[in-house]
């Protein structure tokens, strides 16, 4: 856009210069313009006027673009091609770029890491918050903190962090959606009554005298009346909740630890997803908690029956016959999955291969098993998880600042990971809570 403005400016200067030269020559000779001069003068003036109009439009476009960019990412006009931002203006990395990689390559990170001439850490204005306590400061000096990461070429950080993490797979089976609002309103189906039946052709125009049971009518002989069915639904409004956590870290650790990207990806982002899975299953709906599957009214229950395998199979049947749905997964606590793995027949043979088998019961009664500690031991779930929806409001984002408490004067930085989402169960009876306690 700047190049176009410069080109138009040069055109205006050129044509005005030529026109003024023609006028100056005629004035110096104290005469009128010749026909040739008059034609050339009109052409230069027309082209200068045309270029001037184009310049005005170009400047107006530049002003509009600048104004739209100042409005922020909420109207999505200040994004680069292929760049996604949250409504608060935070850039969301694409699928090929991890959150940590995007963080360490960001302009904000580079600006924070580069000291200005007066020795300040970045040139932005700061708002001082009140000092608060924090659990564990990440420093670049201590070998038990970020200093442990500062080596020539450290390996194994991912493995070390993985030892404190569990696989997260619930997102894979629920319906994933998005929202641009702070609340989500949806319809929850609570019950249906199907009275569909064959109906004879009417043979009389006489009206029935009274209603009967199951949608029929008394004295309906010859009336041809059809039975009435019903369904019950409830409008549910669920708020978008914020899940977040942060860590303090020294600027030395931030600049020297080559694997800070891994720390962000493997710890901060993972922490959000783990809490999200916990909330989707066991959130009690109070305060800022989700209404998790375990606390939704209308979810069916399956009592203990003979053994874990029999109980789990009967629960799957309830999803099919009562919930009128096709189950797509089991959720089991690792302790209960161990119990199932160790089941043996009357001759002491393991049902699932035993210690020399391929692995644990990753498939149970034809359905994949999601092993998660979010489900308490002794309880399991089976259902059509496509009828549970997770709405993403803002996907995981990372923010960094030294303007927290007294961090600026102590060379500390706060790194905050945050996401916003909502969760809802559309059809509670499409799920069964299983009692796996004998």
Protein backbone atom coordinates (compact mmCIF):
# COMPACT_ATOMS: atom_id res chain seq x y z
CA UNK A 1 0.00 0.00 0.00
CA UNK A 2 2.91 2.36 0.77
CA UNK A 3 4.43 1.63 -2.67
CA UNK A 4 1.16 2.52 -4.41
CA UNK A 5 0.91 5.82 -2.55
CA UNK A 6 4.51 6.70 -3.49
CA UNK A 7 3.87 5.86 -7.16
CA UNK A 8 0.76 8.05 -7.31
CA UNK A 9 2.62 10.90 -5.61
CA UNK A 10 5.41 10.68 -8.19
CA UNK A 11 2.86 10.73 -11.03
CA UNK A 12 1.23 13.88 -9.66
CA UNK A 13 4.62 15.60 -9.33
CA UNK A 14 5.61 14.63 -12.87
CA UNK A 15 2.46 15.88 -14.57
CA UNK A 16 2.32 19.11 -12.56
CA UNK A 17 5.96 19.82 -13.34
CA UNK A 18 5.36 19.32 -17.07
CA UNK A 19 2.20 21.47 -16.99
CA UNK A 20 3.95 24.27 -15.12
CA UNK A 21 6.83 24.23 -17.60
CA UNK A 22 4.41 24.73 -20.50
CA UNK A 23 2.65 27.58 -18.67
CA UNK A 24 5.95 29.22 -17.69
CA UNK A 25 7.21 29.17 -21.30
CA UNK A 26 4.05 30.87 -22.64
CA UNK A 27 4.13 33.43 -19.84
CA UNK A 28 7.82 34.24 -20.47
CA UNK A 29 7.07 34.85 -24.16
CA UNK A 30 3.98 36.92 -23.26
CA UNK A 31 1.63 34.94 -25.49
CA UNK A 32 -1.33 32.59 -25.45
CA UNK A 33 -0.94 28.85 -25.47
CA UNK A 34 -0.60 27.23 -28.86
CA UNK A 35 -3.04 24.46 -29.77
CA UNK A 36 -0.31 21.88 -29.18
CA UNK A 37 0.59 23.39 -25.79
CA UNK A 38 -3.07 23.63 -24.81
CA UNK A 39 -3.66 19.95 -25.67
CA UNK A 40 -0.53 18.84 -23.75
CA UNK A 41 -1.44 21.06 -20.80
CA UNK A 42 -4.96 19.58 -20.61
CA UNK A 43 -3.55 16.03 -20.78
CA UNK A 44 -1.07 16.66 -17.95
CA UNK A 45 -3.71 18.31 -15.81
CA UNK A 46 -6.17 15.45 -16.41
CA UNK A 47 -3.58 12.84 -15.52
CA UNK A 48 -2.52 14.78 -12.43
CA UNK A 49 -6.16 15.05 -11.34
CA UNK A 50 -6.69 11.31 -11.94
CA UNK A 51 -3.58 10.46 -9.93
CA UNK A 52 -4.70 12.80 -7.15
CA UNK A 53 -8.07 11.03 -6.93
CA UNK A 54 -6.29 7.67 -6.79
CA UNK A 55 -3.97 8.97 -4.06
CA UNK A 56 -6.92 10.10 -1.97
CA UNK A 57 -8.53 6.68 -2.28
CA UNK A 58 -5.28 4.90 -1.44
CA UNK A 59 -4.74 7.04 1.65
CA UNK A 60 -8.34 6.46 2.67
CA UNK A 61 -7.90 2.69 2.30
CA UNK A 62 -4.74 2.84 4.42
CA UNK A 63 -6.58 4.81 7.09
CA UNK A 64 -9.44 2.31 7.09
CA UNK A 65 -7.06 -0.62 7.38
CA UNK A 66 -5.27 1.03 10.27
CA UNK A 67 -8.56 1.78 12.02
CA UNK A 68 -9.80 -1.77 11.53
CA UNK A 69 -6.53 -3.17 12.82
CA UNK A 70 -6.85 -1.01 15.94
CA UNK A 71 -10.25 -2.56 16.62
CA UNK A 72 -8.48 -5.85 17.42
CA UNK A 73 -8.99 -9.44 16.51
CA UNK A 74 -12.62 -9.55 17.62
CA UNK A 75 -13.59 -8.65 14.03
CA UNK A 76 -10.81 -10.76 12.54
CA UNK A 77 -9.41 -8.01 10.25
CA UNK A 78 -5.93 -7.72 11.71
CA UNK A 79 -4.92 -11.33 11.17
CA UNK A 80 -2.26 -12.41 8.78
CA UNK A 81 -3.06 -15.07 6.22
CA UNK A 82 -3.51 -18.40 7.99
CA UNK A 83 -3.22 -16.78 11.45
CA UNK A 84 -5.86 -17.49 14.09
CA UNK A 85 -6.45 -15.36 17.15
CA UNK A 86 -8.66 -15.61 20.20
CA UNK A 87 -11.27 -12.88 20.83
CA UNK A 88 -8.83 -11.31 23.31
CA UNK A 89 -6.18 -10.96 20.59
CA UNK A 90 -3.94 -13.92 21.44
CA UNK A 91 -2.46 -15.78 18.46
CA UNK A 92 -3.48 -19.46 18.29
CA UNK A 93 -0.72 -21.62 16.76
CA UNK A 94 -1.62 -23.76 13.78
CA UNK A 95 -1.63 -27.54 14.06
CA UNK A 96 1.95 -27.80 12.74
CA UNK A 97 3.32 -25.50 15.46
CA UNK A 98 3.28 -26.50 19.10
CA UNK A 99 2.20 -23.98 21.72
CA UNK A 100 5.70 -23.86 23.20
CA UNK A 101 7.38 -23.40 19.81
CA UNK A 102 5.00 -20.58 18.93
CA UNK A 103 5.71 -18.96 22.30
CA UNK A 104 9.51 -18.89 21.99
CA UNK A 105 9.31 -17.64 18.39
CA UNK A 106 6.83 -14.86 19.14
CA UNK A 107 7.68 -11.18 18.83
CA UNK A 108 6.55 -10.66 22.43
CA UNK A 109 9.03 -13.23 23.71
CA UNK A 110 11.82 -11.64 21.65
CA UNK A 111 10.91 -8.19 22.93
CA UNK A 112 10.87 -9.35 26.54
CA UNK A 113 14.22 -11.10 26.19
CA UNK A 114 15.98 -8.10 24.65
CA UNK A 115 17.06 -5.39 27.10
CA UNK A 116 16.78 -1.73 26.05
CA UNK A 117 19.55 0.82 26.22
CA UNK A 118 18.63 1.91 29.71
CA UNK A 119 18.76 -1.66 30.96
CA UNK A 120 15.04 -2.15 31.35
CA UNK A 121 13.49 -5.48 30.39
CA UNK A 122 11.21 -4.35 27.58
CA UNK A 123 9.91 -0.83 27.00
CA UNK A 124 6.23 -1.28 27.74
CA UNK A 125 4.33 0.41 30.56
CA UNK A 126 3.68 -1.71 33.61
CA UNK A 127 0.82 -1.90 36.08
CA UNK A 128 1.97 -3.04 39.50
CA UNK A 129 -0.22 -5.59 41.30
CA UNK A 130 -0.08 -6.40 44.98
CA UNK A 131 2.57 -8.90 46.12
CA UNK A 132 1.20 -12.42 46.48
CA UNK A 133 2.58 -15.75 47.60
CA UNK A 134 3.45 -18.46 45.12
CA UNK A 135 4.38 -22.08 45.54
CA UNK A 136 7.61 -22.78 43.72
CA UNK A 137 9.79 -20.29 41.85
CA UNK A 138 11.52 -21.54 38.71
CA UNK A 139 15.12 -20.22 38.74
CA UNK A 140 18.03 -20.58 36.36
CA UNK A 141 20.61 -21.10 39.11
CA UNK A 142 19.29 -24.06 41.09
CA UNK A 143 19.93 -27.58 39.81
CA UNK A 144 16.53 -28.56 41.21
CA UNK A 145 14.75 -25.91 39.13
CA UNK A 146 15.21 -24.45 35.64
CA UNK A 147 18.99 -24.54 36.13
CA UNK A 148 18.69 -28.27 35.57
CA UNK A 149 17.62 -27.50 32.02
CA UNK A 150 20.67 -25.33 31.21
CA UNK A 151 23.06 -27.82 29.65
CA UNK A 152 24.86 -28.15 26.34
CA UNK A 153 22.17 -30.42 24.91
CA UNK A 154 19.81 -31.81 27.48
CA UNK A 155 17.75 -34.89 26.61
CA UNK A 156 14.87 -36.55 28.37
CA UNK A 157 12.87 -33.55 29.63
CA UNK A 158 9.78 -34.78 27.81
CA UNK A 159 10.14 -38.21 29.37
CA UNK A 160 10.66 -36.70 32.82
CA UNK A 161 7.50 -34.62 32.58
CA UNK A 162 5.52 -37.50 31.09
CA UNK A 163 6.13 -39.44 34.29
CA UNK A 164 3.69 -37.07 36.03
CA UNK A 165 1.06 -37.17 33.29
CA UNK A 166 -1.71 -39.50 32.23
CA UNK A 167 -3.08 -40.14 28.74
CA UNK A 168 -6.00 -37.86 27.89
CA UNK A 169 -8.47 -39.31 25.40
CA UNK A 170 -11.95 -38.13 26.37
CA UNK A 171 -11.80 -35.33 23.78
CA UNK A 172 -11.49 -38.03 21.11
CA UNK A 173 -14.95 -39.51 21.71
CA UNK A 174 -17.14 -36.51 22.66
CA UNK A 175 -18.51 -34.08 20.10
CA UNK A 176 -16.19 -31.08 19.76
CA UNK A 177 -17.70 -27.71 18.93
CA UNK A 178 -16.94 -24.00 19.24
CA UNK A 179 -18.75 -20.97 20.60
CA UNK A 180 -18.24 -17.22 20.43
CA UNK A 181 -20.45 -16.47 23.44
CA UNK A 182 -19.94 -16.64 27.19
CA UNK A 183 -22.98 -18.92 27.58
CA UNK A 184 -24.26 -21.84 25.54
CA UNK A 185 -27.98 -22.63 25.35
CA UNK A 186 -28.99 -26.09 24.14
CA UNK A 187 -31.90 -28.53 24.27
CA UNK A 188 -31.57 -31.58 26.53
CA UNK A 189 -33.87 -34.48 25.72
CA UNK A 190 -35.22 -35.99 28.95
CA UNK A 191 -37.79 -38.58 27.82
CA UNK A 192 -39.86 -39.85 24.89
CA UNK A 193 -43.15 -41.75 24.67
CA UNK A 194 -43.85 -43.64 21.45
CA UNK A 195 -47.50 -44.71 21.08
CA UNK A 196 -47.36 -45.34 17.35
CA UNK A 197 -49.86 -48.11 16.39
CA UNK A 198 -51.85 -49.33 13.41
CA UNK A 199 -55.08 -47.39 12.94
CA UNK A 200 -58.17 -48.60 11.12
CA UNK A 201 -59.92 -46.42 8.59
CA UNK A 202 -62.77 -44.32 9.98
CA UNK A 203 -66.21 -45.82 9.44
CA UNK A 204 -68.22 -43.31 11.42
CA UNK A 205 -68.24 -39.57 11.84
CA UNK A 206 -69.35 -39.85 15.48
CA UNK A 207 -66.97 -38.30 17.98
CA UNK A 208 -65.66 -40.38 20.93
CA UNK A 209 -67.16 -39.69 24.33
CA UNK A 210 -63.99 -39.62 26.49
CA UNK A 211 -60.19 -39.97 26.24
CA UNK A 212 -58.68 -43.37 26.92
CA UNK A 213 -55.27 -44.68 27.93
CA UNK A 214 -52.10 -44.60 25.85
CA UNK A 215 -53.49 -41.88 23.61
CA UNK A 216 -56.56 -43.92 22.56
CA UNK A 217 -60.16 -42.84 22.99
CA UNK A 218 -63.17 -44.52 24.57
CA UNK A 219 -65.98 -45.41 22.13
CA UNK A 220 -63.49 -45.04 19.31
CA UNK A 221 -65.03 -47.77 17.18
CA UNK A 222 -65.21 -46.50 13.66
CA UNK A 223 -63.66 -43.15 14.57
CA UNK A 224 -60.22 -43.70 13.01
CA UNK A 225 -58.49 -41.67 15.72
CA UNK A 226 -54.65 -41.88 15.88
CA UNK A 227 -52.76 -42.43 19.16
CA UNK A 228 -50.74 -39.53 20.55
CA UNK A 229 -47.01 -39.73 21.39
CA UNK A 230 -44.93 -37.33 23.45
CA UNK A 231 -41.43 -36.19 24.15
CA UNK A 232 -39.99 -34.08 26.91
CA UNK A 233 -37.15 -31.63 26.51
CA UNK A 234 -35.53 -28.99 28.67
CA UNK A 235 -33.69 -25.85 27.69
CA UNK A 236 -30.31 -25.79 29.41
CA UNK A 237 -27.96 -22.84 29.64
CA UNK A 238 -24.36 -23.61 30.54
CA UNK A 239 -21.73 -20.91 31.09
CA UNK A 240 -18.28 -20.90 29.55
CA UNK A 241 -15.72 -21.60 32.26
CA UNK A 242 -12.08 -20.50 32.44
CA UNK A 243 -9.38 -23.04 33.23
CA UNK A 244 -5.95 -21.54 33.93
CA UNK A 245 -2.70 -21.87 35.85
CA UNK A 246 0.67 -20.12 35.89
CA UNK A 247 4.26 -20.52 37.02
CA UNK A 248 6.86 -17.95 38.12
CA UNK A 249 10.22 -18.18 36.37
CA UNK A 250 13.38 -16.06 36.40
CA UNK A 251 14.47 -14.20 33.30
CA UNK A 252 17.74 -16.06 33.47
CA UNK A 253 15.93 -19.38 33.32
CA UNK A 254 13.71 -18.05 30.53
CA UNK A 255 16.66 -17.00 28.40
CA UNK A 256 19.07 -19.86 29.17
CA UNK A 257 16.79 -22.91 29.25
CA UNK A 258 16.72 -24.17 25.67
CA UNK A 259 13.83 -26.49 26.46
CA UNK A 260 11.45 -23.87 27.84
CA UNK A 261 9.26 -24.68 24.83
CA UNK A 262 8.93 -28.26 26.03
CA UNK A 263 8.10 -27.03 29.53
CA UNK A 264 5.20 -25.03 28.13
CA UNK A 265 3.88 -27.80 25.90
CA UNK A 266 4.40 -30.70 28.28
CA UNK A 267 3.42 -29.03 31.55
CA UNK A 268 1.36 -25.86 31.22
CA UNK A 269 -0.79 -26.96 28.30
CA UNK A 270 -1.13 -30.50 29.61
CA UNK A 271 -2.33 -29.17 32.96
CA UNK A 272 -5.25 -27.41 31.26
CA UNK A 273 -6.30 -30.53 29.37
CA UNK A 274 -6.09 -32.75 32.47
CA UNK A 275 -8.34 -30.44 34.47
CA UNK A 276 -10.70 -30.19 31.50
CA UNK A 277 -11.10 -33.98 31.41
CA UNK A 278 -11.68 -34.08 35.18
CA UNK A 279 -14.38 -31.40 34.87
CA UNK A 280 -16.15 -33.16 31.99
CA UNK A 281 -16.58 -36.28 34.12
CA UNK A 282 -16.79 -35.19 37.76
CA UNK A 283 -17.53 -31.45 37.74
CA UNK A 284 -20.28 -30.75 40.30
CA UNK A 285 -21.75 -27.67 38.60
CA UNK A 286 -21.12 -25.39 41.56
CA UNK A 287 -19.04 -22.22 41.46
CA UNK A 288 -16.82 -22.25 38.38
CA UNK A 289 -17.07 -26.02 37.86
CA UNK A 290 -18.59 -27.72 34.83
CA UNK A 291 -21.66 -29.90 35.19
CA UNK A 292 -19.82 -33.15 34.60
CA UNK A 293 -21.29 -36.40 33.35
CA UNK A 294 -21.31 -37.90 36.85
CA UNK A 295 -23.62 -35.15 38.15
CA UNK A 296 -26.10 -34.82 35.28
CA UNK A 297 -29.67 -35.76 36.24
CA UNK A 298 -31.12 -38.52 34.07
CA UNK A 299 -27.98 -40.61 33.57
CA UNK A 300 -28.91 -44.27 34.00
CA UNK A 301 -27.41 -46.56 36.64
CA UNK A 302 -26.27 -50.18 36.43
CA UNK A 303 -25.88 -52.08 39.70
CA UNK A 304 -23.22 -54.75 40.25
CA UNK A 305 -24.20 -58.07 38.71
CA UNK A 306 -22.09 -61.25 39.07
CA UNK A 307 -18.76 -59.79 37.90
CA UNK A 308 -17.26 -56.76 36.17
CA UNK A 309 -17.71 -58.17 32.67
CA UNK A 310 -21.37 -59.02 33.17
CA UNK A 311 -22.08 -55.67 34.80
CA UNK A 312 -20.37 -53.77 32.00
CA UNK A 313 -22.29 -55.70 29.35
CA UNK A 314 -25.68 -55.07 31.01
CA UNK A 315 -24.87 -51.35 31.13
CA UNK A 316 -24.19 -51.34 27.39
CA UNK A 317 -27.62 -52.93 26.85
CA UNK A 318 -29.29 -50.10 28.76
CA UNK A 319 -27.68 -47.55 26.47
CA UNK A 320 -29.23 -49.41 23.53
CA UNK A 321 -32.69 -50.23 24.89
CA UNK A 322 -33.49 -47.33 27.23
CA UNK A 323 -31.29 -44.62 25.78
CA UNK A 324 -32.06 -45.73 22.20
CA UNK A 325 -28.42 -44.99 21.38
CA UNK A 326 -25.30 -46.79 20.21
CA UNK A 327 -22.55 -46.71 22.83
CA UNK A 328 -19.11 -45.74 21.51
CA UNK A 329 -16.81 -46.06 24.57
CA UNK A 330 -16.31 -47.18 28.16
CA UNK A 331 -14.65 -44.96 30.78
CA UNK A 332 -12.82 -46.94 33.46
CA UNK A 333 -10.47 -46.15 36.31
CA UNK A 334 -7.05 -47.90 36.00
CA UNK A 335 -7.81 -49.96 39.13
CA UNK A 336 -11.02 -51.32 37.62
CA UNK A 337 -9.34 -52.00 34.31
CA UNK A 338 -6.73 -53.99 36.23
CA UNK A 339 -9.51 -56.04 37.84
CA UNK A 340 -10.90 -56.85 34.40
CA UNK A 341 -7.43 -57.72 33.04
CA UNK A 342 -6.93 -60.20 35.87
CA UNK A 343 -10.22 -62.05 35.40
CA UNK A 344 -9.76 -65.78 34.81
CA UNK A 345 -11.98 -68.65 33.75
CA UNK A 346 -12.54 -71.82 35.80
CA UNK A 347 -9.21 -73.23 34.61
CA UNK A 348 -7.20 -70.21 35.66
CA UNK A 349 -6.78 -68.80 32.16
CA UNK A 350 -6.84 -65.02 31.77
CA UNK A 351 -9.61 -63.69 29.56
CA UNK A 352 -7.40 -60.95 28.14
CA UNK A 353 -4.14 -62.80 27.55
CA UNK A 354 -2.58 -62.50 30.98
CA UNK A 355 1.02 -61.36 31.53
CA UNK A 356 2.06 -62.58 28.08
CA UNK A 357 -0.86 -60.95 26.32
CA UNK A 358 -0.70 -58.00 23.98
CA UNK A 359 -1.99 -55.60 26.61
CA UNK A 360 -4.90 -54.71 28.83
CA UNK A 361 -8.55 -54.78 27.82
CA UNK A 362 -8.35 -51.86 25.42
CA UNK A 363 -11.55 -53.18 23.83
CA UNK A 364 -14.45 -54.35 25.99
CA UNK A 365 -17.61 -55.83 24.48
CA UNK A 366 -16.64 -54.35 21.13
CA UNK A 367 -16.10 -50.81 22.46
CA UNK A 368 -12.83 -48.91 23.06
CA UNK A 369 -11.91 -48.44 26.70
CA UNK A 370 -10.72 -45.02 27.87
CA UNK A 371 -8.59 -45.50 30.96
CA UNK A 372 -8.76 -42.35 33.06
CA UNK A 373 -8.20 -41.39 36.67
CA UNK A 374 -10.94 -38.78 36.31
CA UNK A 375 -13.39 -41.63 36.98
CA UNK A 376 -13.27 -42.74 40.64
CA UNK A 377 -12.31 -46.35 41.32
CA UNK A 378 -15.33 -48.63 41.60
CA UNK A 379 -17.29 -46.61 39.05
CA UNK A 380 -17.36 -46.72 35.28
CA UNK A 381 -19.32 -45.15 32.44
CA UNK A 382 -20.55 -46.37 29.10
CA UNK A 383 -22.55 -44.39 26.60
CA UNK A 384 -22.88 -42.58 23.33
CA UNK A 385 -20.36 -39.84 24.02
CA UNK A 386 -21.28 -38.15 20.76
CA UNK A 387 -24.27 -36.84 22.73
CA UNK A 388 -21.93 -34.95 25.04
CA UNK A 389 -20.55 -31.73 23.59
CA UNK A 390 -17.42 -29.77 24.46
CA UNK A 391 -17.60 -26.18 23.20
CA UNK A 392 -14.24 -24.41 22.87
CA UNK A 393 -14.50 -20.65 23.51
CA UNK A 394 -10.75 -19.98 23.54
CA UNK A 395 -8.24 -22.75 22.98
CA UNK A 396 -5.11 -22.94 25.11
CA UNK A 397 -3.06 -19.73 25.03
CA UNK A 398 0.14 -18.57 26.70
CA UNK A 399 0.78 -15.10 28.13
CA UNK A 400 3.97 -13.81 29.74
CA UNK A 401 4.62 -10.67 31.79
CA UNK A 402 7.05 -9.23 34.30
CA UNK A 403 4.40 -6.77 35.57
CA UNK A 404 3.08 -9.06 38.29
CA UNK A 405 3.62 -8.04 41.93
CA UNK A 406 7.33 -7.10 42.35
CA UNK A 407 8.51 -9.34 39.50
CA UNK A 408 9.99 -6.46 37.45
CA UNK A 409 12.54 -5.45 40.09
CA UNK A 410 13.36 -9.08 40.87
CA UNK A 411 13.88 -10.21 37.25
CA UNK A 412 10.97 -12.61 37.41
CA UNK A 413 8.36 -13.46 34.80
CA UNK A 414 4.90 -15.02 35.17
CA UNK A 415 3.88 -17.45 32.41
CA UNK A 416 0.12 -18.01 32.31
CA UNK A 417 -1.69 -20.78 30.42
CA UNK A 418 -5.43 -20.35 29.96
CA UNK A 419 -8.37 -21.82 28.08
CA UNK A 420 -12.14 -21.28 28.08
CA UNK A 421 -14.75 -23.92 27.33
CA UNK A 422 -18.25 -25.18 28.12
CA UNK A 423 -19.61 -28.74 28.40
CA UNK A 424 -23.09 -30.17 28.05
CA UNK A 425 -24.89 -33.54 27.90
CA UNK A 426 -27.65 -33.51 25.28
CA UNK A 427 -29.29 -36.84 26.19
CA UNK A 428 -28.55 -38.06 29.72
CA UNK A 429 -30.16 -41.51 29.31
CA UNK A 430 -27.70 -42.28 26.52
CA UNK A 431 -25.16 -42.80 29.34
CA UNK A 432 -24.96 -45.35 32.14
CA UNK A 433 -23.02 -45.08 35.38
CA UNK A 434 -21.70 -48.54 36.27
CA UNK A 435 -21.21 -49.80 39.82
CA UNK A 436 -18.09 -51.99 39.65
CA UNK A 437 -17.94 -52.71 43.39
CA UNK A 438 -18.86 -56.26 44.28
